[in-house]
All heavy atoms as atom14 arrays in JSON, in Angstrom:
{
  "sequence": "GLLNPNTKDSVPPNVTLIYTLSCRSFYGPFEK",
  "atom14_mask": [
    [1, 1, 1, 1, 0, 0, 0, 0, 0, 0, 0, 0, 0, 0],
    [1, 1, 1, 1, 1, 1, 1, 1, 0, 0, 0, 0, 0, 0],
    [1, 1, 1, 1, 1, 1, 1, 1, 0, 0, 0, 0, 0, 0],
    [1, 1, 1, 1, 1, 1, 1, 1, 0, 0, 0, 0, 0, 0],
    [1, 1, 1, 1, 1, 1, 1, 0, 0, 0, 0, 0, 0, 0],
    [1, 1, 1, 1, 1, 1, 1, 1, 0, 0, 0, 0, 0, 0],
    [1, 1, 1, 1, 1, 1, 1, 0, 0, 0, 0, 0, 0, 0],
    [1, 1, 1, 1, 1, 1, 1, 1, 1, 0, 0, 0, 0, 0],
    [1, 1, 1, 1, 1, 1, 1, 1, 0, 0, 0, 0, 0, 0],
    [1, 1, 1, 1, 1, 1, 0, 0, 0, 0, 0, 0, 0, 0],
    [1, 1, 1, 1, 1, 1, 1, 0, 0, 0, 0, 0, 0, 0],
    [1, 1, 1, 1, 1, 1, 1, 0, 0, 0, 0, 0, 0, 0],
    [1, 1, 1, 1, 1, 1, 1, 0, 0, 0, 0, 0, 0, 0],
    [1, 1, 1, 1, 1, 1, 1, 1, 0, 0, 0, 0, 0, 0],
    [1, 1, 1, 1, 1, 1, 1, 0, 0, 0, 0, 0, 0, 0],
    [1, 1, 1, 1, 1, 1, 1, 0, 0, 0, 0, 0, 0, 0],
    [1, 1, 1, 1, 1, 1, 1, 1, 0, 0, 0, 0, 0, 0],
    [1, 1, 1, 1, 1, 1, 1, 1, 0, 0, 0, 0, 0, 0],
    [1, 1, 1, 1, 1, 1, 1, 1, 1, 1, 1, 1, 0, 0],
    [1, 1, 1, 1, 1, 1, 1, 0, 0, 0, 0, 0, 0, 0],
    [1, 1, 1, 1, 1, 1, 1, 1, 0, 0, 0, 0, 0, 0],
    [1, 1, 1, 1, 1, 1, 0, 0, 0, 0, 0, 0, 0, 0],
    [1, 1, 1, 1, 1, 1, 0, 0, 0, 0, 0, 0, 0, 0],
    [1, 1, 1, 1, 1, 1, 1, 1, 1, 1, 1, 0, 0, 0],
    [1, 1, 1, 1, 1, 1, 0, 0, 0, 0, 0, 0, 0, 0],
    [1, 1, 1, 1, 1, 1, 1, 1, 1, 1, 1, 0, 0, 0],
    [1, 1, 1, 1, 1, 1, 1, 1, 1, 1, 1, 1, 0, 0],
    [1, 1, 1, 1, 0, 0, 0, 0, 0, 0, 0, 0, 0, 0],
    [1, 1, 1, 1, 1, 1, 1, 0, 0, 0, 0, 0, 0, 0],
    [1, 1, 1, 1, 1, 1, 1, 1, 1, 1, 1, 0, 0, 0],
    [1, 1, 1, 1, 1, 1, 1, 1, 1, 0, 0, 0, 0, 0],
    [1, 1, 1, 1, 1, 1, 1, 1, 1, 0, 0, 0, 0, 0]
  ],
  "atom14_positions": [
    [[40.45, -51.38, -9.85], [41.6, -50.59, -10.27], [41.34, -49.84, -11.57], [41.82, -48.72, -11.75], [0.0, 0.0, 0.0], [0.0, 0.0, 0.0], [0.0, 0.0, 0.0], [0.0, 0.0, 0.0], [0.0, 0.0, 0.0], [0.0, 0.0, 0.0], [0.0, 0.0, 0.0], [0.0, 0.0, 0.0], [0.0, 0.0, 0.0], [0.0, 0.0, 0.0]],
    [[40.57, -50.43, -12.49], [40.25, -49.76, -13.75], [39.25, -48.62, -13.54], [39.38, -47.55, -14.13], [39.67, -50.75, -14.77], [40.65, -51.73, -15.4], [39.89, -52.71, -16.28], [41.69, -50.99, -16.22], [0.0, 0.0, 0.0], [0.0, 0.0, 0.0], [0.0, 0.0, 0.0], [0.0, 0.0, 0.0], [0.0, 0.0, 0.0], [0.0, 0.0, 0.0]],
    [[38.24, -48.86, -12.73], [37.17, -47.87, -12.54], [37.49, -46.83, -11.48], [36.88, -45.76, -11.45], [35.86, -48.58, -12.2], [35.31, -49.5, -13.28], [34.1, -50.26, -12.76], [34.97, -48.73, -14.53], [0.0, 0.0, 0.0], [0.0, 0.0, 0.0], [0.0, 0.0, 0.0], [0.0, 0.0, 0.0], [0.0, 0.0, 0.0], [0.0, 0.0, 0.0]],
    [[38.42, -47.14, -10.59], [38.79, -46.22, -9.52], [40.31, -46.24, -9.37], [40.84, -46.91, -8.49], [38.11, -46.64, -8.21], [38.4, -45.69, -7.08], [38.82, -44.57, -7.3], [38.18, -46.16, -5.86], [0.0, 0.0, 0.0], [0.0, 0.0, 0.0], [0.0, 0.0, 0.0], [0.0, 0.0, 0.0], [0.0, 0.0, 0.0], [0.0, 0.0, 0.0]],
    [[41.04, -45.52, -10.24], [42.51, -45.57, -10.2], [43.07, -45.15, -8.85], [42.54, -44.26, -8.19], [42.93, -44.58, -11.29], [41.73, -44.4, -12.15], [40.54, -44.64, -11.27], [0.0, 0.0, 0.0], [0.0, 0.0, 0.0], [0.0, 0.0, 0.0], [0.0, 0.0, 0.0], [0.0, 0.0, 0.0], [0.0, 0.0, 0.0], [0.0, 0.0, 0.0]],
    [[44.17, -45.8, -8.45], [44.77, -45.55, -7.13], [45.65, -44.32, -7.09], [45.94, -43.81, -6.02], [45.61, -46.76, -6.7], [44.73, -47.94, -6.37], [43.57, -47.78, -6.06], [45.29, -49.13, -6.46], [0.0, 0.0, 0.0], [0.0, 0.0, 0.0], [0.0, 0.0, 0.0], [0.0, 0.0, 0.0], [0.0, 0.0, 0.0], [0.0, 0.0, 0.0]],
    [[46.11, -43.83, -8.24], [47.03, -42.71, -8.22], [46.36, -41.46, -7.66], [45.16, -41.27, -7.81], [47.59, -42.42, -9.63], [46.49, -42.19, -10.5], [48.42, -43.57, -10.12], [0.0, 0.0, 0.0], [0.0, 0.0, 0.0], [0.0, 0.0, 0.0], [0.0, 0.0, 0.0], [0.0, 0.0, 0.0], [0.0, 0.0, 0.0], [0.0, 0.0, 0.0]],
    [[47.13, -40.64, -7.06], [46.63, -39.5, -6.28], [45.85, -38.47, -7.12], [44.82, -37.99, -6.72], [47.81, -38.83, -5.59], [47.44, -37.75, -4.62], [48.69, -37.23, -3.94], [48.37, -36.16, -2.94], [49.57, -35.65, -2.3], [0.0, 0.0, 0.0], [0.0, 0.0, 0.0], [0.0, 0.0, 0.0], [0.0, 0.0, 0.0], [0.0, 0.0, 0.0]],
    [[46.37, -38.15, -8.31], [45.77, -37.07, -9.1], [44.81, -37.56, -10.18], [44.27, -36.74, -10.92], [46.88, -36.24, -9.76], [47.74, -35.55, -8.72], [47.21, -35.21, -7.65], [48.95, -35.38, -8.98], [0.0, 0.0, 0.0], [0.0, 0.0, 0.0], [0.0, 0.0, 0.0], [0.0, 0.0, 0.0], [0.0, 0.0, 0.0], [0.0, 0.0, 0.0]],
    [[44.61, -38.86, -10.32], [43.76, -39.34, -11.4], [42.29, -39.32, -10.99], [41.94, -39.44, -9.83], [44.18, -40.74, -11.82], [43.96, -41.63, -10.76], [0.0, 0.0, 0.0], [0.0, 0.0, 0.0], [0.0, 0.0, 0.0], [0.0, 0.0, 0.0], [0.0, 0.0, 0.0], [0.0, 0.0, 0.0], [0.0, 0.0, 0.0], [0.0, 0.0, 0.0]],
    [[41.44, -39.14, -11.98], [40.0, -39.15, -11.78], [39.44, -40.43, -12.4], [40.08, -41.02, -13.27], [39.33, -37.9, -12.41], [39.8, -36.65, -11.71], [39.63, -37.84, -13.89], [0.0, 0.0, 0.0], [0.0, 0.0, 0.0], [0.0, 0.0, 0.0], [0.0, 0.0, 0.0], [0.0, 0.0, 0.0], [0.0, 0.0, 0.0], [0.0, 0.0, 0.0]],
    [[38.25, -40.86, -11.98], [37.67, -42.06, -12.6], [37.47, -41.83, -14.1], [37.12, -40.73, -14.52], [36.33, -42.21, -11.88], [36.5, -41.5, -10.59], [37.45, -40.37, -10.86], [0.0, 0.0, 0.0], [0.0, 0.0, 0.0], [0.0, 0.0, 0.0], [0.0, 0.0, 0.0], [0.0, 0.0, 0.0], [0.0, 0.0, 0.0], [0.0, 0.0, 0.0]],
    [[37.69, -42.86, -14.92], [37.55, -42.71, -16.36], [36.1, -42.59, -16.78], [35.19, -43.02, -16.06], [38.17, -44.0, -16.9], [37.91, -44.99, -15.81], [38.04, -44.21, -14.53], [0.0, 0.0, 0.0], [0.0, 0.0, 0.0], [0.0, 0.0, 0.0], [0.0, 0.0, 0.0], [0.0, 0.0, 0.0], [0.0, 0.0, 0.0], [0.0, 0.0, 0.0]],
    [[35.88, -41.99, -17.94], [34.54, -41.97, -18.52], [34.27, -43.34, -19.15], [35.11, -43.86, -19.87], [34.41, -40.88, -19.58], [34.4, -39.5, -18.96], [33.97, -39.32, -17.83], [34.87, -38.53, -19.69], [0.0, 0.0, 0.0], [0.0, 0.0, 0.0], [0.0, 0.0, 0.0], [0.0, 0.0, 0.0], [0.0, 0.0, 0.0], [0.0, 0.0, 0.0]],
    [[33.12, -43.91, -18.86], [32.79, -45.25, -19.33], [31.5, -45.2, -20.15], [30.76, -44.22, -20.12], [32.62, -46.23, -18.15], [33.9, -46.37, -17.36], [31.47, -45.82, -17.25], [0.0, 0.0, 0.0], [0.0, 0.0, 0.0], [0.0, 0.0, 0.0], [0.0, 0.0, 0.0], [0.0, 0.0, 0.0], [0.0, 0.0, 0.0], [0.0, 0.0, 0.0]],
    [[31.27, -46.27, -20.88], [29.99, -46.45, -21.57], [29.18, -47.42, -20.74], [29.67, -48.48, -20.36], [30.2, -47.01, -22.99], [30.98, -46.07, -23.73], [28.88, -47.24, -23.69], [0.0, 0.0, 0.0], [0.0, 0.0, 0.0], [0.0, 0.0, 0.0], [0.0, 0.0, 0.0], [0.0, 0.0, 0.0], [0.0, 0.0, 0.0], [0.0, 0.0, 0.0]],
    [[27.95, -47.06, -20.46], [27.06, -47.87, -19.64], [25.9, -48.34, -20.51], [25.24, -47.52, -21.15], [26.54, -47.04, -18.47], [25.5, -47.67, -17.57], [26.1, -48.84, -16.81], [24.93, -46.64, -16.62], [0.0, 0.0, 0.0], [0.0, 0.0, 0.0], [0.0, 0.0, 0.0], [0.0, 0.0, 0.0], [0.0, 0.0, 0.0], [0.0, 0.0, 0.0]],
    [[25.7, -49.65, -20.56], [24.58, -50.22, -21.31], [23.78, -51.08, -20.33], [24.34, -51.97, -19.69], [25.07, -51.1, -22.47], [25.97, -50.29, -23.41], [23.89, -51.71, -23.23], [26.7, -51.12, -24.44], [0.0, 0.0, 0.0], [0.0, 0.0, 0.0], [0.0, 0.0, 0.0], [0.0, 0.0, 0.0], [0.0, 0.0, 0.0], [0.0, 0.0, 0.0]],
    [[22.49, -50.78, -20.2], [21.66, -51.64, -19.37], [20.38, -52.01, -20.1], [19.86, -51.23, -20.9], [21.38, -51.04, -17.99], [20.59, -49.76, -17.97], [19.21, -49.78, -17.88], [21.23, -48.53, -18.0], [18.49, -48.61, -17.85], [20.52, -47.36, -17.97], [19.14, -47.4, -17.88], [18.42, -46.24, -17.86], [0.0, 0.0, 0.0], [0.0, 0.0, 0.0]],
    [[19.92, -53.22, -19.85], [18.72, -53.75, -20.49], [17.75, -54.18, -19.41], [18.09, -55.02, -18.57], [19.07, -54.95, -21.4], [20.03, -54.53, -22.37], [17.85, -55.47, -22.1], [0.0, 0.0, 0.0], [0.0, 0.0, 0.0], [0.0, 0.0, 0.0], [0.0, 0.0, 0.0], [0.0, 0.0, 0.0], [0.0, 0.0, 0.0], [0.0, 0.0, 0.0]],
    [[16.56, -53.59, -19.43], [15.51, -53.97, -18.49], [14.68, -55.09, -19.11], [14.23, -54.97, -20.26], [14.6, -52.78, -18.19], [15.23, -51.65, -17.38], [14.32, -50.44, -17.38], [15.51, -52.11, -15.97], [0.0, 0.0, 0.0], [0.0, 0.0, 0.0], [0.0, 0.0, 0.0], [0.0, 0.0, 0.0], [0.0, 0.0, 0.0], [0.0, 0.0, 0.0]],
    [[14.47, -56.17, -18.38], [13.62, -57.27, -18.82], [12.23, -57.05, -18.22], [12.1, -56.94, -17.0], [14.19, -58.61, -18.36], [15.49, -58.79, -18.89], [0.0, 0.0, 0.0], [0.0, 0.0, 0.0], [0.0, 0.0, 0.0], [0.0, 0.0, 0.0], [0.0, 0.0, 0.0], [0.0, 0.0, 0.0], [0.0, 0.0, 0.0], [0.0, 0.0, 0.0]],
    [[11.23, -56.99, -19.08], [9.87, -56.63, -18.65], [8.85, -57.61, -19.2], [9.1, -58.31, -20.18], [9.51, -55.23, -19.15], [10.71, -53.95, -18.8], [0.0, 0.0, 0.0], [0.0, 0.0, 0.0], [0.0, 0.0, 0.0], [0.0, 0.0, 0.0], [0.0, 0.0, 0.0], [0.0, 0.0, 0.0], [0.0, 0.0, 0.0], [0.0, 0.0, 0.0]],
    [[7.69, -57.6, -18.57], [6.54, -58.31, -19.14], [5.3, -57.48, -18.87], [5.21, -56.75, -17.87], [6.42, -59.73, -18.63], [6.22, -59.93, -17.17], [5.95, -61.4, -16.81], [7.1, -62.24, -16.89], [7.87, -62.57, -15.87], [7.62, -62.1, -14.68], [8.9, -63.36, -16.02], [0.0, 0.0, 0.0], [0.0, 0.0, 0.0], [0.0, 0.0, 0.0]],
    [[4.37, -57.58, -19.81], [3.11, -56.85, -19.69], [2.01, -57.67, -20.33], [2.23, -58.8, -20.77], [3.23, -55.48, -20.38], [3.24, -55.64, -21.79], [0.0, 0.0, 0.0], [0.0, 0.0, 0.0], [0.0, 0.0, 0.0], [0.0, 0.0, 0.0], [0.0, 0.0, 0.0], [0.0, 0.0, 0.0], [0.0, 0.0, 0.0], [0.0, 0.0, 0.0]],
    [[0.84, -57.07, -20.42], [-0.3, -57.7, -21.08], [0.05, -58.06, -22.53], [-0.44, -59.04, -23.07], [-1.48, -56.73, -21.05], [-2.67, -57.19, -21.84], [-3.53, -58.16, -21.34], [-2.93, -56.64, -23.09], [-4.62, -58.58, -22.08], [-4.02, -57.06, -23.83], [-4.86, -58.03, -23.33], [0.0, 0.0, 0.0], [0.0, 0.0, 0.0], [0.0, 0.0, 0.0]],
    [[0.95, -57.3, -23.14], [1.31, -57.48, -24.54], [2.41, -58.52, -24.74], [2.8, -58.8, -25.86], [1.75, -56.15, -25.14], [0.69, -55.08, -24.97], [0.86, -54.06, -24.06], [-0.48, -55.13, -25.71], [-0.12, -53.11, -23.88], [-1.47, -54.18, -25.54], [-1.28, -53.17, -24.62], [-2.26, -52.23, -24.44], [0.0, 0.0, 0.0], [0.0, 0.0, 0.0]],
    [[2.95, -59.07, -23.65], [3.99, -60.08, -23.73], [5.3, -59.59, -23.16], [5.44, -58.43, -22.78], [0.0, 0.0, 0.0], [0.0, 0.0, 0.0], [0.0, 0.0, 0.0], [0.0, 0.0, 0.0], [0.0, 0.0, 0.0], [0.0, 0.0, 0.0], [0.0, 0.0, 0.0], [0.0, 0.0, 0.0], [0.0, 0.0, 0.0], [0.0, 0.0, 0.0]],
    [[6.32, -60.47, -23.14], [7.63, -60.07, -22.61], [8.39, -59.22, -23.63], [8.23, -59.39, -24.84], [8.34, -61.4, -22.37], [7.67, -62.36, -23.27], [6.27, -61.89, -23.47], [0.0, 0.0, 0.0], [0.0, 0.0, 0.0], [0.0, 0.0, 0.0], [0.0, 0.0, 0.0], [0.0, 0.0, 0.0], [0.0, 0.0, 0.0], [0.0, 0.0, 0.0]],
    [[9.2, -58.31, -23.13], [10.05, -57.49, -23.99], [11.21, -56.96, -23.18], [11.22, -57.03, -21.96], [9.26, -56.34, -24.65], [8.73, -55.32, -23.68], [9.45, -54.17, -23.41], [7.51, -55.5, -23.05], [8.98, -53.23, -22.52], [7.03, -54.56, -22.16], [7.75, -53.42, -21.9], [0.0, 0.0, 0.0], [0.0, 0.0, 0.0], [0.0, 0.0, 0.0]],
    [[12.21, -56.42, -23.9], [13.38, -55.83, -23.25], [13.59, -54.42, -23.78], [13.34, -54.15, -24.95], [14.63, -56.68, -23.52], [14.58, -58.02, -22.85], [15.85, -58.82, -23.04], [16.53, -58.63, -24.07], [16.15, -59.63, -22.15], [0.0, 0.0, 0.0], [0.0, 0.0, 0.0], [0.0, 0.0, 0.0], [0.0, 0.0, 0.0], [0.0, 0.0, 0.0]],
    [[14.05, -53.54, -22.92], [14.36, -52.16, -23.29], [15.82, -51.9, -22.95], [16.23, -52.04, -21.81], [13.45, -51.19, -22.53], [13.79, -49.74, -22.71], [13.58, -49.27, -24.13], [13.88, -47.78, -24.24], [13.92, -47.32, -25.59], [0.0, 0.0, 0.0], [0.0, 0.0, 0.0], [0.0, 0.0, 0.0], [0.0, 0.0, 0.0], [0.0, 0.0, 0.0]]
  ]
}
């Protein structure tokens, strides 16, 4: 309901998106 409002004329709200990738390499584990 927050991300996809039911009302006829409303559009989805602008949101902030934060994502963190968990990785590992020869140099060790890290996150981006």
